[in-house]
Amino acid sequence: MNNRRRRVLGVLIYFLPLLVFLLSLLIGTVRIPVKDLLKTLASPLFPSLKQGLPANALIIIFSIRIPRLLLGLAVGASLSV
């Protein structure tokens, strides 16, 4: 039981921050569907995905939400020291 519990905790430690990262990109006054969010995040690697996206989704995610998230990570890391 202890080994199983440790494995579940390890999985949570790795996947919970990723889930919170994606959820924080969805939170805002402008609603961006999950499908558009994933396409927007993959669009720098696959430029063909930009064709079906609204222009404001690219601007909002890359200019507002990702910098806000990275700033929050940096502030949290600096406060933990």
Protein backbone atom coordinates (compact mmCIF):
# COMPACT_ATOMS: atom_id res chain seq x y z
CA MET A 1 0.00 0.00 0.00
CA ASN A 2 2.81 2.40 0.81
CA ASN A 3 4.42 1.87 -2.62
CA ARG A 4 1.11 2.52 -4.39
CA ARG A 5 0.53 5.65 -2.36
CA ARG A 6 4.00 6.93 -3.20
CA ARG A 7 3.42 6.28 -6.91
CA VAL A 8 0.10 8.17 -6.89
CA LEU A 9 1.75 11.07 -5.09
CA GLY A 10 4.55 11.10 -7.68
CA VAL A 11 2.05 11.23 -10.53
CA LEU A 12 0.17 14.07 -8.85
CA ILE A 13 3.38 16.02 -8.30
CA TYR A 14 4.12 15.88 -12.03
CA PHE A 15 0.67 16.31 -13.57
CA LEU A 16 -1.10 18.67 -11.17
CA PRO A 17 1.12 21.68 -12.02
CA LEU A 18 0.57 21.01 -15.73
CA LEU A 19 -3.18 20.92 -15.20
CA VAL A 20 -3.09 24.15 -13.18
CA PHE A 21 -0.93 25.74 -15.92
CA LEU A 22 -3.52 24.92 -18.59
CA LEU A 23 -6.44 25.98 -16.40
CA SER A 24 -4.81 29.32 -15.63
CA LEU A 25 -4.53 29.99 -19.36
CA LEU A 26 -8.28 29.45 -19.69
CA ILE A 27 -9.22 31.88 -16.92
CA GLY A 28 -9.94 35.42 -18.06
CA THR A 29 -12.63 37.80 -19.22
CA VAL A 30 -12.44 36.50 -22.78
CA ARG A 31 -13.49 32.85 -23.05
CA ILE A 32 -11.13 30.77 -25.18
CA PRO A 33 -12.21 27.15 -25.74
CA VAL A 34 -9.79 24.37 -24.79
CA LYS A 35 -9.47 23.31 -28.43
CA ASP A 36 -8.42 26.82 -29.48
CA LEU A 37 -6.04 27.06 -26.52
CA LEU A 38 -4.26 23.86 -27.49
CA LYS A 39 -4.09 24.93 -31.14
CA THR A 40 -2.69 28.31 -30.11
CA LEU A 41 -0.02 26.74 -27.92
CA ALA A 42 0.99 24.38 -30.75
CA SER A 43 0.87 27.05 -33.50
CA PRO A 44 4.51 28.20 -33.14
CA LEU A 45 5.62 24.63 -33.88
CA PHE A 46 2.95 23.95 -36.52
CA PRO A 47 2.14 27.20 -38.39
CA SER A 48 -0.69 25.55 -40.34
CA LEU A 49 -2.77 25.53 -37.13
CA LYS A 50 -3.00 29.34 -37.16
CA GLN A 51 -5.46 29.30 -40.07
CA GLY A 52 -8.53 28.28 -38.07
CA LEU A 53 -7.83 30.39 -34.98
CA PRO A 54 -9.35 33.74 -34.10
CA ALA A 55 -6.72 36.47 -34.20
CA ASN A 56 -7.53 37.67 -30.70
CA ALA A 57 -6.79 34.21 -29.23
CA LEU A 58 -3.15 34.42 -30.31
CA ILE A 59 -2.76 37.94 -28.94
CA ILE A 60 -4.50 37.22 -25.64
CA ILE A 61 -2.65 34.00 -24.90
CA PHE A 62 0.86 35.03 -25.97
CA SER A 63 0.73 38.69 -24.89
CA ILE A 64 -1.33 38.56 -21.71
CA ARG A 65 -1.94 35.15 -20.21
CA ILE A 66 1.42 33.41 -20.65
CA PRO A 67 3.41 36.44 -19.36
CA ARG A 68 1.00 36.66 -16.39
CA LEU A 69 1.55 32.98 -15.65
CA LEU A 70 5.34 33.21 -15.95
CA LEU A 71 5.41 36.28 -13.70
CA GLY A 72 3.34 34.41 -11.11
CA LEU A 73 5.76 31.49 -11.26
CA ALA A 74 8.75 33.81 -10.83
CA VAL A 75 7.16 35.63 -7.88
CA GLY A 76 6.21 32.35 -6.23
CA ALA A 77 9.72 30.99 -6.70
CA SER A 78 11.30 34.13 -5.29
CA LEU A 79 9.01 34.09 -2.24
CA SER A 80 9.85 30.47 -1.54
CA VAL A 81 13.54 31.22 -1.03
